[in-house]
């Protein structure tokens, strides 16, 4: 593993624990000699994780669409800021440049990015781990939704294991380092009418 992609909010959220987790994750990524790939913003948790990683000497690559360059205030002090045309291009480049994903607290955009990465692993488009950093129980309910999908027959149990929750940045990075993709021959059972 050379680089970790971090999905996170473009604001800091209301709980100071979220900003603390972003700082700790940036330091942990740098401490392991890894690079950071993220959404390219200078604001919110994005800016916090990038600044923390840079202060510790990590390579930081940000990818930001032109339409968000002003709104998210593209981070001009990082190692490499890439401005792209679309959100689709942003997500594809983030996935291409990284070897796994950690998800900090965030909103709908963060959730959408994470679920797409999860789907791509499930479908075998890439073989990269996905770990939700469950700061202050932020992602606990989402984990329950994934479990409910398994119970109701919409998500294979082996695929459910592809998206894990971790309590600390160190646990999240350990989970990525030990990630092994699964192969499920038949991921959905056909039912008879």
Protein backbone atom coordinates (compact mmCIF):
# COMPACT_ATOMS: atom_id res chain seq x y z
CA UNK A 1 0.00 0.00 0.00
CA UNK A 2 1.39 3.37 -1.06
CA UNK A 3 -1.51 5.81 -0.84
CA UNK A 4 -4.76 6.00 1.11
CA UNK A 5 -7.81 7.82 -0.20
CA UNK A 6 -9.78 9.64 2.50
CA UNK A 7 -13.42 10.57 1.94
CA UNK A 8 -14.69 13.19 4.39
CA UNK A 9 -16.78 16.29 4.91
CA UNK A 10 -16.04 19.73 3.51
CA UNK A 11 -17.09 21.13 6.88
CA UNK A 12 -15.84 20.09 10.33
CA UNK A 13 -19.18 18.95 11.77
CA UNK A 14 -20.45 19.87 15.21
CA UNK A 15 -18.49 17.42 17.36
CA UNK A 16 -14.81 18.40 17.91
CA UNK A 17 -14.01 14.66 17.88
CA UNK A 18 -14.39 14.68 14.09
CA UNK A 19 -11.62 17.26 13.58
CA UNK A 20 -9.44 15.41 16.09
CA UNK A 21 -9.95 12.16 14.17
CA UNK A 22 -9.06 13.88 10.89
CA UNK A 23 -5.82 15.23 12.40
CA UNK A 24 -4.96 11.84 13.88
CA UNK A 25 -5.65 10.08 10.59
CA UNK A 26 -3.45 12.52 8.65
CA UNK A 27 -0.61 11.97 11.14
CA UNK A 28 -1.10 8.17 11.07
CA UNK A 29 -0.98 8.07 7.27
CA UNK A 30 2.26 10.07 7.26
CA UNK A 31 3.63 8.00 10.15
CA UNK A 32 3.36 4.87 8.05
CA UNK A 33 5.11 6.50 5.10
CA UNK A 34 1.92 6.56 3.04
CA UNK A 35 0.55 9.25 0.78
CA UNK A 36 -2.89 10.84 1.09
CA UNK A 37 -5.39 11.20 -1.76
CA UNK A 38 -8.46 13.29 -0.98
CA UNK A 39 -11.01 15.74 -2.41
CA UNK A 40 -8.62 18.68 -2.71
CA UNK A 41 -10.41 21.16 -0.47
CA UNK A 42 -8.85 23.44 2.14
CA UNK A 43 -12.00 23.58 4.28
CA UNK A 44 -13.63 21.28 6.82
CA UNK A 45 -12.31 17.82 7.57
CA UNK A 46 -10.69 17.78 4.12
CA UNK A 47 -8.37 20.63 5.00
CA UNK A 48 -7.69 19.25 8.46
CA UNK A 49 -6.62 15.78 7.29
CA UNK A 50 -4.50 17.26 4.47
CA UNK A 51 -2.77 19.79 6.72
CA UNK A 52 -2.00 17.14 9.34
CA UNK A 53 -0.53 14.75 6.75
CA UNK A 54 1.55 17.53 5.17
CA UNK A 55 2.93 18.71 8.52
CA UNK A 56 4.24 15.18 9.05
CA UNK A 57 5.84 15.03 5.59
CA UNK A 58 3.33 12.94 3.62
CA UNK A 59 2.69 13.33 -0.07
CA UNK A 60 -0.80 14.84 -0.43
CA UNK A 61 -2.72 14.68 -3.70
CA UNK A 62 -6.02 16.54 -3.94
CA UNK A 63 -8.51 16.16 -6.77
CA UNK A 64 -11.20 18.81 -7.10
CA UNK A 65 -13.72 19.57 -9.86
CA UNK A 66 -13.69 23.03 -11.39
CA UNK A 67 -17.21 23.71 -10.06
CA UNK A 68 -16.06 23.12 -6.47
CA UNK A 69 -12.71 24.86 -6.73
CA UNK A 70 -14.11 28.12 -5.34
CA UNK A 71 -16.74 26.63 -3.03
CA UNK A 72 -14.40 24.17 -1.30
CA UNK A 73 -11.43 26.52 -1.63
CA UNK A 74 -8.92 24.31 -3.40
CA UNK A 75 -5.91 23.67 -1.20
CA UNK A 76 -3.01 25.43 -2.92
CA UNK A 77 -0.34 24.33 -0.43
CA UNK A 78 -0.52 20.56 -0.98
CA UNK A 79 1.97 18.44 -2.91
CA UNK A 80 -0.28 18.07 -5.95
CA UNK A 81 -3.68 19.70 -6.62
CA UNK A 82 -5.45 18.39 -9.70
CA UNK A 83 -8.45 20.23 -11.08
CA UNK A 84 -10.79 18.03 -13.11
CA UNK A 85 -13.97 18.64 -15.08
CA UNK A 86 -16.52 16.43 -13.32
CA UNK A 87 -17.29 14.63 -10.08
CA UNK A 88 -17.08 11.33 -11.96
CA UNK A 89 -13.57 12.17 -13.10
CA UNK A 90 -12.67 13.15 -9.53
CA UNK A 91 -13.85 9.83 -8.05
CA UNK A 92 -12.21 7.74 -10.76
CA UNK A 93 -8.89 9.54 -10.29
CA UNK A 94 -9.08 9.21 -6.50
CA UNK A 95 -9.64 5.46 -6.88
CA UNK A 96 -6.87 5.08 -9.47
CA UNK A 97 -4.29 6.91 -7.34
CA UNK A 98 -5.01 5.08 -4.09
CA UNK A 99 -4.73 1.56 -2.69
CA UNK A 100 -7.59 1.71 -0.17
CA UNK A 101 -10.19 4.00 1.35
CA UNK A 102 -10.83 5.43 4.82
CA UNK A 103 -14.08 7.29 5.42
CA UNK A 104 -14.24 10.05 8.04
CA UNK A 105 -17.55 11.65 9.04
CA UNK A 106 -19.22 13.62 6.28
CA UNK A 107 -22.47 14.24 4.47
CA UNK A 108 -24.22 12.86 1.43
CA UNK A 109 -21.23 13.40 -0.88
CA UNK A 110 -18.95 11.49 1.48
CA UNK A 111 -21.46 8.67 1.76
CA UNK A 112 -21.92 8.53 -2.01
CA UNK A 113 -18.16 8.30 -2.61
CA UNK A 114 -17.80 5.55 -0.01
CA UNK A 115 -20.71 3.48 -1.26
CA UNK A 116 -19.44 3.70 -4.83
CA UNK A 117 -16.00 2.46 -3.72
CA UNK A 118 -17.76 -0.37 -1.83
CA UNK A 119 -19.77 -1.26 -4.95
CA UNK A 120 -16.64 -1.28 -7.14
CA UNK A 121 -14.97 -3.75 -4.78
CA UNK A 122 -18.10 -5.92 -4.64
CA UNK A 123 -18.24 -6.03 -8.43
CA UNK A 124 -14.51 -6.70 -8.80
CA UNK A 125 -13.82 -3.40 -10.59
CA UNK A 126 -11.03 -2.89 -8.07
CA UNK A 127 -9.73 -4.85 -5.07
CA UNK A 128 -9.35 -2.11 -2.49
CA UNK A 129 -10.45 -2.09 1.13
CA UNK A 130 -12.94 0.36 2.61
CA UNK A 131 -12.92 1.30 6.28
CA UNK A 132 -15.30 3.71 8.00
CA UNK A 133 -13.55 5.52 10.85
CA UNK A 134 -16.41 5.34 13.34
CA UNK A 135 -15.58 8.47 15.33
CA UNK A 136 -18.07 9.02 18.16
CA UNK A 137 -20.27 6.28 16.64
CA UNK A 138 -20.85 8.35 13.50
CA UNK A 139 -21.03 5.38 11.09
CA UNK A 140 -22.54 2.84 13.50
CA UNK A 141 -26.06 3.18 12.06
CA UNK A 142 -24.75 2.78 8.51
CA UNK A 143 -23.15 -0.50 9.57
CA UNK A 144 -26.57 -1.56 10.85
CA UNK A 145 -28.10 -0.69 7.48
CA UNK A 146 -25.51 -2.90 5.74
CA UNK A 147 -26.36 -5.70 8.19
CA UNK A 148 -30.07 -5.22 7.42
CA UNK A 149 -29.30 -5.55 3.69
CA UNK A 150 -27.73 -8.94 4.43
CA UNK A 151 -30.71 -10.03 6.55
CA UNK A 152 -33.14 -9.04 3.80
CA UNK A 153 -31.17 -10.77 1.03
CA UNK A 154 -29.88 -7.72 -0.85
CA UNK A 155 -26.23 -7.97 0.17
CA UNK A 156 -24.18 -11.15 0.36
CA UNK A 157 -22.68 -11.74 3.80
CA UNK A 158 -19.18 -12.05 2.31
CA UNK A 159 -19.63 -8.71 0.56
CA UNK A 160 -20.79 -7.12 3.80
CA UNK A 161 -17.36 -7.87 5.22
CA UNK A 162 -15.78 -5.66 2.53
CA UNK A 163 -16.85 -2.50 4.39
CA UNK A 164 -15.61 -2.44 7.97
CA UNK A 165 -15.78 0.00 10.86
CA UNK A 166 -12.72 0.97 12.91
CA UNK A 167 -12.48 2.89 16.17
CA UNK A 168 -9.07 4.53 15.57
CA UNK A 169 -6.96 5.65 12.60
CA UNK A 170 -4.43 2.94 13.45
CA UNK A 171 -7.12 0.24 13.34
CA UNK A 172 -8.40 1.64 10.04
CA UNK A 173 -4.95 1.55 8.44
CA UNK A 174 -4.28 -1.94 9.85
CA UNK A 175 -7.56 -3.12 8.30
CA UNK A 176 -6.56 -1.68 4.92
CA UNK A 177 -3.11 -3.26 5.14
CA UNK A 178 -4.59 -6.69 5.81
CA UNK A 179 -7.52 -6.39 3.38
CA UNK A 180 -8.20 -9.44 1.24
CA UNK A 181 -10.91 -9.24 -1.43
CA UNK A 182 -13.49 -12.01 -1.57
CA UNK A 183 -14.89 -13.82 -4.54
CA UNK A 184 -18.55 -14.73 -4.50
CA UNK A 185 -19.64 -16.77 -7.49
CA UNK A 186 -23.32 -15.99 -7.11
CA UNK A 187 -23.95 -12.85 -5.09
CA UNK A 188 -27.74 -12.86 -5.38
CA UNK A 189 -30.04 -15.82 -5.02
CA UNK A 190 -32.84 -16.07 -7.55
CA UNK A 191 -36.22 -16.70 -6.04
CA UNK A 192 -38.97 -18.75 -7.59
CA UNK A 193 -42.36 -17.18 -8.12
